[in-house]
PDB file of N, CA and C in Angstrom:
ATOM      1  N   UNK A   1     -20.967  10.315 -17.220  1.00  0.00           N
ATOM      2  CA  UNK A   1     -20.573   9.641 -16.004  1.00  0.00           C
ATOM      3  C   UNK A   1     -21.490  10.270 -14.848  1.00  0.00           C
ATOM      4  N   UNK A   2     -22.317   9.518 -14.018  1.00  0.00           N
ATOM      5  CA  UNK A   2     -23.052  10.041 -13.132  1.00  0.00           C
ATOM      6  C   UNK A   2     -22.464   9.974 -11.696  1.00  0.00           C
ATOM      7  N   UNK A   3     -22.880  10.862 -10.917  1.00  0.00           N
ATOM      8  CA  UNK A   3     -22.237  11.060  -9.512  1.00  0.00           C
ATOM      9  C   UNK A   3     -22.078   9.919  -8.591  1.00  0.00           C
ATOM     10  N   UNK A   4     -22.990   8.841  -8.768  1.00  0.00           N
ATOM     11  CA  UNK A   4     -22.715   7.637  -8.176  1.00  0.00           C
ATOM     12  C   UNK A   4     -21.747   6.924  -8.620  1.00  0.00           C
ATOM     13  N   UNK A   5     -21.596   7.051  -9.867  1.00  0.00           N
ATOM     14  CA  UNK A   5     -20.241   6.164 -10.526  1.00  0.00           C
ATOM     15  C   UNK A   5     -19.014   6.714 -10.006  1.00  0.00           C
ATOM     16  N   UNK A   6     -18.935   8.211 -10.116  1.00  0.00           N
ATOM     17  CA  UNK A   6     -17.600   8.907  -9.641  1.00  0.00           C
ATOM     18  C   UNK A   6     -17.432   8.393  -8.092  1.00  0.00           C
ATOM     19  N   UNK A   7     -18.585   8.455  -7.441  1.00  0.00           N
ATOM     20  CA  UNK A   7     -18.256   8.190  -5.829  1.00  0.00           C
ATOM     21  C   UNK A   7     -17.843   6.659  -5.689  1.00  0.00           C
ATOM     22  N   UNK A   8     -18.473   5.962  -6.554  1.00  0.00           N
ATOM     23  CA  UNK A   8     -18.066   4.470  -6.481  1.00  0.00           C
ATOM     24  C   UNK A   8     -16.555   4.308  -6.759  1.00  0.00           C
ATOM     25  N   UNK A   9     -16.162   4.908  -7.876  1.00  0.00           N
ATOM     26  CA  UNK A   9     -14.653   4.864  -8.544  1.00  0.00           C
ATOM     27  C   UNK A   9     -13.611   5.633  -7.612  1.00  0.00           C
ATOM     28  N   UNK A  10     -14.072   6.403  -6.881  1.00  0.00           N
ATOM     29  CA  UNK A  10     -13.010   7.095  -6.149  1.00  0.00           C
ATOM     30  C   UNK A  10     -13.050   6.417  -4.643  1.00  0.00           C
ATOM     31  N   UNK A  11     -14.186   5.715  -4.308  1.00  0.00           N
ATOM     32  CA  UNK A  11     -14.296   5.035  -3.001  1.00  0.00           C
ATOM     33  C   UNK A  11     -13.449   3.925  -3.379  1.00  0.00           C
ATOM     34  N   UNK A  12     -13.474   3.230  -4.528  1.00  0.00           N
ATOM     35  CA  UNK A  12     -12.636   1.859  -4.900  1.00  0.00           C
ATOM     36  C   UNK A  12     -10.920   2.526  -4.922  1.00  0.00           C
ATOM     37  N   UNK A  13     -10.748   3.441  -5.501  1.00  0.00           N
ATOM     38  CA  UNK A  13      -9.492   4.117  -5.480  1.00  0.00           C
ATOM     39  C   UNK A  13      -9.037   4.499  -4.354  1.00  0.00           C
ATOM     40  N   UNK A  14      -9.647   4.933  -3.487  1.00  0.00           N
ATOM     41  CA  UNK A  14      -9.400   5.297  -1.960  1.00  0.00           C
ATOM     42  C   UNK A  14      -8.627   4.343  -1.106  1.00  0.00           C
ATOM     43  N   UNK A  15      -9.708   3.154  -1.237  1.00  0.00           N
ATOM     44  CA  UNK A  15      -9.634   2.028  -0.560  1.00  0.00           C
ATOM     45  C   UNK A  15      -8.639   1.083  -0.872  1.00  0.00           C
ATOM     46  N   UNK A  16      -7.941   0.928  -2.202  1.00  0.00           N
ATOM     47  CA  UNK A  16      -7.082   0.156  -2.745  1.00  0.00           C
ATOM     48  C   UNK A  16      -5.791   1.032  -2.569  1.00  0.00           C
ATOM     49  N   UNK A  17      -5.699   2.428  -2.735  1.00  0.00           N
ATOM     50  CA  UNK A  17      -4.550   2.833  -2.515  1.00  0.00           C
ATOM     51  C   UNK A  17      -4.194   2.925  -0.805  1.00  0.00           C
ATOM     52  N   UNK A  18      -5.031   2.976  -0.090  1.00  0.00           N
ATOM     53  CA  UNK A  18      -4.911   2.905   1.240  1.00  0.00           C
ATOM     54  C   UNK A  18      -4.624   1.468   1.538  1.00  0.00           C
ATOM     55  N   UNK A  19      -4.876   0.296   1.224  1.00  0.00           N
ATOM     56  CA  UNK A  19      -4.442  -1.034   1.338  1.00  0.00           C
ATOM     57  C   UNK A  19      -2.984  -1.212   0.849  1.00  0.00           C
ATOM     58  N   UNK A  20      -2.607  -0.527  -0.471  1.00  0.00           N
ATOM     59  CA  UNK A  20      -1.231  -0.467  -0.640  1.00  0.00           C
ATOM     60  C   UNK A  20      -0.295   0.048   0.247  1.00  0.00           C
ATOM     61  N   UNK A  21      -0.873   1.456   0.686  1.00  0.00           N
ATOM     62  CA  UNK A  21       0.080   2.164   1.710  1.00  0.00           C
ATOM     63  C   UNK A  21       0.403   1.342   2.909  1.00  0.00           C
ATOM     64  N   UNK A  22      -0.734   0.851   3.625  1.00  0.00           N
ATOM     65  CA  UNK A  22      -0.370  -0.186   4.556  1.00  0.00           C
ATOM     66  C   UNK A  22       0.331  -1.300   4.336  1.00  0.00           C
ATOM     67  N   UNK A  23       0.302  -1.774   3.369  1.00  0.00           N
ATOM     68  CA  UNK A  23       1.180  -3.179   2.890  1.00  0.00           C
ATOM     69  C   UNK A  23       2.555  -2.369   2.870  1.00  0.00           C
ATOM     70  N   UNK A  24       2.784  -1.404   2.161  1.00  0.00           N
ATOM     71  CA  UNK A  24       4.220  -0.885   1.904  1.00  0.00           C
ATOM     72  C   UNK A  24       4.666  -0.130   3.435  1.00  0.00           C
ATOM     73  N   UNK A  25       3.926   0.163   4.267  1.00  0.00           N
ATOM     74  CA  UNK A  25       4.351   0.445   5.828  1.00  0.00           C
ATOM     75  C   UNK A  25       4.517  -0.814   6.669  1.00  0.00           C
ATOM     76  N   UNK A  26       3.971  -2.101   6.453  1.00  0.00           N
ATOM     77  CA  UNK A  26       4.273  -3.064   7.131  1.00  0.00           C
ATOM     78  C   UNK A  26       5.401  -3.649   6.562  1.00  0.00           C
ATOM     79  N   UNK A  27       5.910  -3.817   5.213  1.00  0.00           N
ATOM     80  CA  UNK A  27       7.053  -4.242   4.454  1.00  0.00           C
ATOM     81  C   UNK A  27       8.017  -3.390   5.014  1.00  0.00           C
ATOM     82  N   UNK A  28       8.274  -2.252   5.229  1.00  0.00           N
ATOM     83  CA  UNK A  28       9.115  -1.258   5.442  1.00  0.00           C
ATOM     84  C   UNK A  28       9.442  -1.401   7.169  1.00  0.00           C
ATOM     85  N   UNK A  29       8.522  -1.322   7.899  1.00  0.00           N
ATOM     86  CA  UNK A  29       8.683  -0.961   9.435  1.00  0.00           C
ATOM     87  C   UNK A  29       8.645  -2.366  10.065  1.00  0.00           C
ATOM     88  N   UNK A  30       7.826  -3.183   9.802  1.00  0.00           N
ATOM     89  CA  UNK A  30       7.486  -4.595  10.601  1.00  0.00           C
ATOM     90  C   UNK A  30       8.263  -5.803  10.168  1.00  0.00           C
ATOM     91  N   UNK A  31       8.464  -5.799   8.898  1.00  0.00           N
ATOM     92  CA  UNK A  31       8.734  -7.215   8.294  1.00  0.00           C
ATOM     93  C   UNK A  31      10.281  -7.172   7.900  1.00  0.00           C
ATOM     94  N   UNK A  32      11.002  -5.789   7.913  1.00  0.00           N
ATOM     95  CA  UNK A  32      12.165  -5.422   7.421  1.00  0.00           C
ATOM     96  C   UNK A  32      12.561  -6.034   5.968  1.00  0.00           C
ATOM     97  N   UNK A  33      11.636  -5.551   5.402  1.00  0.00           N
ATOM     98  CA  UNK A  33      11.818  -5.864   3.801  1.00  0.00           C
ATOM     99  C   UNK A  33      11.123  -7.247   3.192  1.00  0.00           C
ATOM    100  N   UNK A  34      10.776  -8.243   4.165  1.00  0.00           N
ATOM    101  CA  UNK A  34      10.439  -9.513   3.617  1.00  0.00           C
ATOM    102  C   UNK A  34       8.909  -9.284   3.506  1.00  0.00           C
ATOM    103  N   UNK A  35       8.280 -10.200   2.557  1.00  0.00           N
ATOM    104  CA  UNK A  35       6.976 -10.002   2.281  1.00  0.00           C
ATOM    105  C   UNK A  35       6.317 -11.024   3.414  1.00  0.00           C
ATOM    106  N   UNK A  36       4.841 -10.973   3.500  1.00  0.00           N
ATOM    107  CA  UNK A  36       4.049 -11.665   4.465  1.00  0.00           C
ATOM    108  C   UNK A  36       3.946 -12.926   3.862  1.00  0.00           C
ATOM    109  N   UNK A  37       4.618 -13.795   3.281  1.00  0.00           N
ATOM    110  CA  UNK A  37       4.126 -15.191   2.737  1.00  0.00           C
ATOM    111  C   UNK A  37       4.899 -16.277   3.490  1.00  0.00           C
ATOM    112  N   UNK A  38       5.159 -16.082   4.779  1.00  0.00           N
ATOM    113  CA  UNK A  38       5.431 -17.185   5.596  1.00  0.00           C
ATOM    114  C   UNK A  38       4.940 -17.189   6.991  1.00  0.00           C
ATOM    115  N   UNK A  39       4.968 -18.306   7.737  1.00  0.00           N
ATOM    116  CA  UNK A  39       4.566 -18.411   9.005  1.00  0.00           C
ATOM    117  C   UNK A  39       5.448 -17.481   9.879  1.00  0.00           C
ATOM    118  N   UNK A  40       4.820 -16.984  11.179  1.00  0.00           N
ATOM    119  CA  UNK A  40       5.631 -16.459  12.174  1.00  0.00           C
ATOM    120  C   UNK A  40       6.958 -16.824  12.580  1.00  0.00           C
ATOM    121  N   UNK A  41       6.907 -18.277  12.838  1.00  0.00           N
ATOM    122  CA  UNK A  41       8.210 -19.038  13.229  1.00  0.00           C
ATOM    123  C   UNK A  41       9.231 -18.831  12.037  1.00  0.00           C
ATOM    124  N   UNK A  42       8.694 -19.111  10.938  1.00  0.00           N
ATOM    125  CA  UNK A  42       9.555 -19.109   9.666  1.00  0.00           C
ATOM    126  C   UNK A  42      10.092 -17.680   9.302  1.00  0.00           C
ATOM    127  N   UNK A  43       9.295 -16.619   9.696  1.00  0.00           N
ATOM    128  CA  UNK A  43       9.748 -15.232   9.339  1.00  0.00           C
ATOM    129  C   UNK A  43      10.908 -15.065  10.267  1.00  0.00           C
ATOM    130  N   UNK A  44      10.775 -15.432  11.486  1.00  0.00           N
ATOM    131  CA  UNK A  44      11.685 -15.064  12.435  1.00  0.00           C
ATOM    132  C   UNK A  44      13.077 -15.452  12.072  1.00  0.00           C
ATOM    133  N   UNK A  45      12.918 -16.941  11.673  1.00  0.00           N
ATOM    134  CA  UNK A  45      14.327 -17.547  11.227  1.00  0.00           C
ATOM    135  C   UNK A  45      14.773 -17.029   9.949  1.00  0.00           C
ATOM    136  N   UNK A  46      13.854 -16.351   9.148  1.00  0.00           N
ATOM    137  CA  UNK A  46      14.370 -15.843   7.800  1.00  0.00           C
ATOM    138  C   UNK A  46      14.802 -14.315   7.827  1.00  0.00           C
ATOM    139  N   UNK A  47      14.596 -13.776   8.953  1.00  0.00           N
ATOM    140  CA  UNK A  47      14.647 -12.112   8.873  1.00  0.00           C
ATOM    141  C   UNK A  47      16.058 -11.920   8.817  1.00  0.00           C
ATOM    142  N   UNK A  48      17.057 -12.471   9.045  1.00  0.00           N
ATOM    143  CA  UNK A  48      18.493 -12.269   9.191  1.00  0.00           C
ATOM    144  C   UNK A  48      19.220 -13.307   8.008  1.00  0.00           C
ATOM    145  N   UNK A  49      18.881 -14.045   7.613  1.00  0.00           N
ATOM    146  CA  UNK A  49      19.327 -15.099   6.540  1.00  0.00           C
ATOM    147  C   UNK A  49      19.646 -14.286   5.405  1.00  0.00           C
ATOM    148  N   UNK A  50      20.996 -14.413   4.922  1.00  0.00           N
ATOM    149  CA  UNK A  50      21.422 -13.746   3.851  1.00  0.00           C
ATOM    150  C   UNK A  50      20.753 -14.238   2.407  1.00  0.00           C
ATOM    151  N   UNK A  51      20.141 -15.253   2.633  1.00  0.00           N
ATOM    152  CA  UNK A  51      19.621 -16.059   1.326  1.00  0.00           C
ATOM    153  C   UNK A  51      18.417 -15.126   0.793  1.00  0.00           C
ATOM    154  N   UNK A  52      17.895 -14.500   1.702  1.00  0.00           N
ATOM    155  CA  UNK A  52      16.694 -13.627   1.566  1.00  0.00           C
ATOM    156  C   UNK A  52      17.024 -12.130   1.354  1.00  0.00           C
ATOM    157  N   UNK A  53      18.210 -11.976   0.904  1.00  0.00           N
ATOM    158  CA  UNK A  53      18.775 -10.741   0.706  1.00  0.00           C
ATOM    159  C   UNK A  53      17.933  -9.859  -0.495  1.00  0.00           C
ATOM    160  N   UNK A  54      17.899 -10.678  -1.423  1.00  0.00           N
ATOM    161  CA  UNK A  54      17.184 -10.117  -2.638  1.00  0.00           C
ATOM    162  C   UNK A  54      15.641  -9.893  -2.574  1.00  0.00           C
ATOM    163  N   UNK A  55      15.166 -10.669  -1.526  1.00  0.00           N
ATOM    164  CA  UNK A  55      13.545 -10.166  -1.355  1.00  0.00           C
ATOM    165  C   UNK A  55      13.509  -9.023  -0.396  1.00  0.00           C
ATOM    166  N   UNK A  56      14.500  -8.858   0.432  1.00  0.00           N
ATOM    167  CA  UNK A  56      14.471  -7.797   1.348  1.00  0.00           C
ATOM    168  C   UNK A  56      14.793  -6.354   0.620  1.00  0.00           C
ATOM    169  N   UNK A  57      15.714  -6.551  -0.377  1.00  0.00           N
ATOM    170  CA  UNK A  57      15.967  -5.409  -1.230  1.00  0.00           C
ATOM    171  C   UNK A  57      14.866  -5.038  -1.977  1.00  0.00           C
ATOM    172  N   UNK A  58      14.129  -5.998  -2.789  1.00  0.00           N
ATOM    173  CA  UNK A  58      12.823  -5.993  -3.454  1.00  0.00           C
ATOM    174  C   UNK A  58      11.756  -5.333  -2.593  1.00  0.00           C
ATOM    175  N   UNK A  59      11.737  -5.806  -1.415  1.00  0.00           N
ATOM    176  CA  UNK A  59      10.628  -5.265  -0.591  1.00  0.00           C
ATOM    177  C   UNK A  59      10.941  -3.624  -0.017  1.00  0.00           C
ATOM    178  N   UNK A  60      12.118  -3.324   0.240  1.00  0.00           N
ATOM    179  CA  UNK A  60      12.370  -1.896   0.448  1.00  0.00           C
ATOM    180  C   UNK A  60      12.219  -1.027  -0.719  1.00  0.00           C
ATOM    181  N   UNK A  61      12.635  -1.591  -1.971  1.00  0.00           N
ATOM    182  CA  UNK A  61      12.200  -0.934  -3.142  1.00  0.00           C
ATOM    183  C   UNK A  61      10.765  -0.638  -3.405  1.00  0.00           C
ATOM    184  N   UNK A  62      10.007  -1.745  -3.184  1.00  0.00           N
ATOM    185  CA  UNK A  62       8.551  -1.558  -3.265  1.00  0.00           C
ATOM    186  C   UNK A  62       7.922  -0.452  -2.336  1.00  0.00           C
ATOM    187  N   UNK A  63       8.443  -0.602  -1.112  1.00  0.00           N
ATOM    188  CA  UNK A  63       7.755   0.153  -0.067  1.00  0.00           C
ATOM    189  C   UNK A  63       8.332   1.642  -0.240  1.00  0.00           C
ATOM    190  N   UNK A  64       9.677   1.665  -0.708  1.00  0.00           N
ATOM    191  CA  UNK A  64      10.072   3.435  -0.966  1.00  0.00           C
ATOM    192  C   UNK A  64       9.241   3.516  -2.439  1.00  0.00           C
ATOM    193  N   UNK A  65       9.058   2.787  -3.487  1.00  0.00           N
ATOM    194  CA  UNK A  65       8.012   3.467  -4.477  1.00  0.00           C
ATOM    195  C   UNK A  65       6.710   3.757  -3.822  1.00  0.00           C
ATOM    196  N   UNK A  66       6.077   2.779  -3.339  1.00  0.00           N
ATOM    197  CA  UNK A  66       4.841   2.922  -2.999  1.00  0.00           C
ATOM    198  C   UNK A  66       4.601   4.104  -1.883  1.00  0.00           C
ATOM    199  N   UNK A  67       5.493   4.452  -1.053  1.00  0.00           N
ATOM    200  CA  UNK A  67       5.328   5.487  -0.139  1.00  0.00           C
ATOM    201  C   UNK A  67       5.699   6.865  -0.743  1.00  0.00           C
ATOM    202  N   UNK A  68       6.230   6.758  -2.140  1.00  0.00           N
ATOM    203  CA  UNK A  68       6.597   7.865  -2.715  1.00  0.00           C
ATOM    204  C   UNK A  68       5.357   8.413  -3.526  1.00  0.00           C
ATOM    205  N   UNK A  69       4.994   7.456  -4.297  1.00  0.00           N
ATOM    206  CA  UNK A  69       3.910   7.733  -5.426  1.00  0.00           C
ATOM    207  C   UNK A  69       2.245   7.515  -4.936  1.00  0.00           C
ATOM    208  N   UNK A  70       2.300   6.519  -3.985  1.00  0.00           N
ATOM    209  CA  UNK A  70       0.703   6.154  -3.700  1.00  0.00           C
ATOM    210  C   UNK A  70       0.092   7.206  -3.156  1.00  0.00           C
ATOM    211  N   UNK A  71       0.572   7.966  -2.182  1.00  0.00           N
ATOM    212  CA  UNK A  71      -0.108   8.806  -1.349  1.00  0.00           C
ATOM    213  C   UNK A  71      -0.545  10.109  -2.106  1.00  0.00           C
ATOM    214  N   UNK A  72      -0.132  10.499  -3.286  1.00  0.00           N
ATOM    215  CA  UNK A  72      -0.770  11.529  -4.064  1.00  0.00           C
ATOM    216  C   UNK A  72      -2.003  10.875  -4.787  1.00  0.00           C
ATOM    217  N   UNK A  73      -1.787   9.694  -5.201  1.00  0.00           N
ATOM    218  CA  UNK A  73      -3.166   8.988  -5.653  1.00  0.00           C
ATOM    219  C   UNK A  73      -4.399   8.994  -4.784  1.00  0.00           C
ATOM    220  N   UNK A  74      -3.731   8.567  -3.255  1.00  0.00           N
ATOM    221  CA  UNK A  74      -4.855   8.411  -2.404  1.00  0.00           C
ATOM    222  C   UNK A  74      -5.522   9.820  -2.040  1.00  0.00           C
ATOM    223  N   UNK A  75      -4.676  10.860  -1.934  1.00  0.00           N
ATOM    224  CA  UNK A  75      -4.947  12.052  -1.716  1.00  0.00           C
ATOM    225  C   UNK A  75      -5.957  12.609  -2.772  1.00  0.00           C
ATOM    226  N   UNK A  76      -5.739  12.409  -3.883  1.00  0.00           N
ATOM    227  CA  UNK A  76      -6.468  12.809  -5.199  1.00  0.00           C
ATOM    228  C   UNK A  76      -7.850  12.093  -4.960  1.00  0.00           C
ATOM    229  N   UNK A  77      -7.739  10.949  -4.690  1.00  0.00           N
ATOM    230  CA  UNK A  77      -9.152   9.921  -4.625  1.00  0.00           C
ATOM    231  C   UNK A  77     -10.021  10.455  -3.509  1.00  0.00           C
ATOM    232  N   UNK A  78      -9.281  10.951  -2.381  1.00  0.00           N
ATOM    233  CA  UNK A  78     -10.018  11.437  -1.328  1.00  0.00           C
ATOM    234  C   UNK A  78     -10.844  12.974  -1.382  1.00  0.00           C
ATOM    235  N   UNK A  79     -10.052  13.827  -2.308  1.00  0.00           N
ATOM    236  CA  UNK A  79     -10.401  15.013  -2.690  1.00  0.00           C
ATOM    237  C   UNK A  79     -11.461  15.030  -3.713  1.00  0.00           C
ATOM    238  N   UNK A  80     -11.474  13.994  -4.598  1.00  0.00           N
ATOM    239  CA  UNK A  80     -12.757  13.813  -5.606  1.00  0.00           C
ATOM    240  C   UNK A  80     -13.598  13.560  -4.748  1.00  0.00           C
ATOM    241  N   UNK A  81     -13.652  12.506  -4.016  1.00  0.00           N
ATOM    242  CA  UNK A  81     -14.569  11.770  -3.242  1.00  0.00           C
ATOM    243  C   UNK A  81     -15.559  13.205  -2.339  1.00  0.00           C
ATOM    244  N   UNK A  82     -14.609  13.737  -1.711  1.00  0.00           N
ATOM    245  CA  UNK A  82     -15.374  14.897  -0.973  1.00  0.00           C
ATOM    246  C   UNK A  82     -16.122  15.808  -1.863  1.00  0.00           C
ATOM    247  N   UNK A  83     -15.511  16.283  -2.993  1.00  0.00           N
ATOM    248  CA  UNK A  83     -16.022  17.138  -3.742  1.00  0.00           C
ATOM    249  C   UNK A  83     -17.485  16.514  -4.554  1.00  0.00           C
ATOM    250  N   UNK A  84     -17.337  15.320  -4.548  1.00  0.00           N
ATOM    251  CA  UNK A  84     -18.751  14.447  -5.210  1.00  0.00           C
ATOM    252  C   UNK A  84     -19.589  14.670  -4.032  1.00  0.00           C
ATOM    253  N   UNK A  85     -19.485  14.339  -2.941  1.00  0.00           N
ATOM    254  CA  UNK A  85     -20.167  14.666  -1.851  1.00  0.00           C
ATOM    255  C   UNK A  85     -20.697  16.014  -1.680  1.00  0.00           C
ATOM    256  N   UNK A  86     -19.782  17.150  -1.783  1.00  0.00           N
ATOM    257  CA  UNK A  86     -20.115  18.750  -1.872  1.00  0.00           C
ATOM    258  C   UNK A  86     -20.998  19.013  -2.877  1.00  0.00           C
ATOM    259  N   UNK A  87     -20.683  18.591  -4.241  1.00  0.00           N
ATOM    260  CA  UNK A  87     -21.853  18.792  -5.141  1.00  0.00           C
ATOM    261  C   UNK A  87     -23.135  18.174  -4.991  1.00  0.00           C
ATOM    262  N   UNK A  88     -23.188  16.933  -4.641  1.00  0.00           N
ATOM    263  CA  UNK A  88     -24.266  16.056  -4.843  1.00  0.00           C
ATOM    264  C   UNK A  88     -25.155  16.577  -3.527  1.00  0.00           C
TER     265      UNK A  88
END
């Protein structure tokens, strides 16, 4: 495996884990557990609707899981990326 391949894969890993972390933070703190698949007007209507309690519960579970496990992967990709630039 060449150094360029390692840099490419770790960059992809770092960016993808960063996107997942941002999504988890949005779901937890901005949307109250609801996913971003509706218009803003509809989101305001559905925010306190008990019909979407399962979606909120799943959203909080996803964000809890992502904020617990993904930062380690993000940090590992960042460290590998930095080492690849130090070695190369």
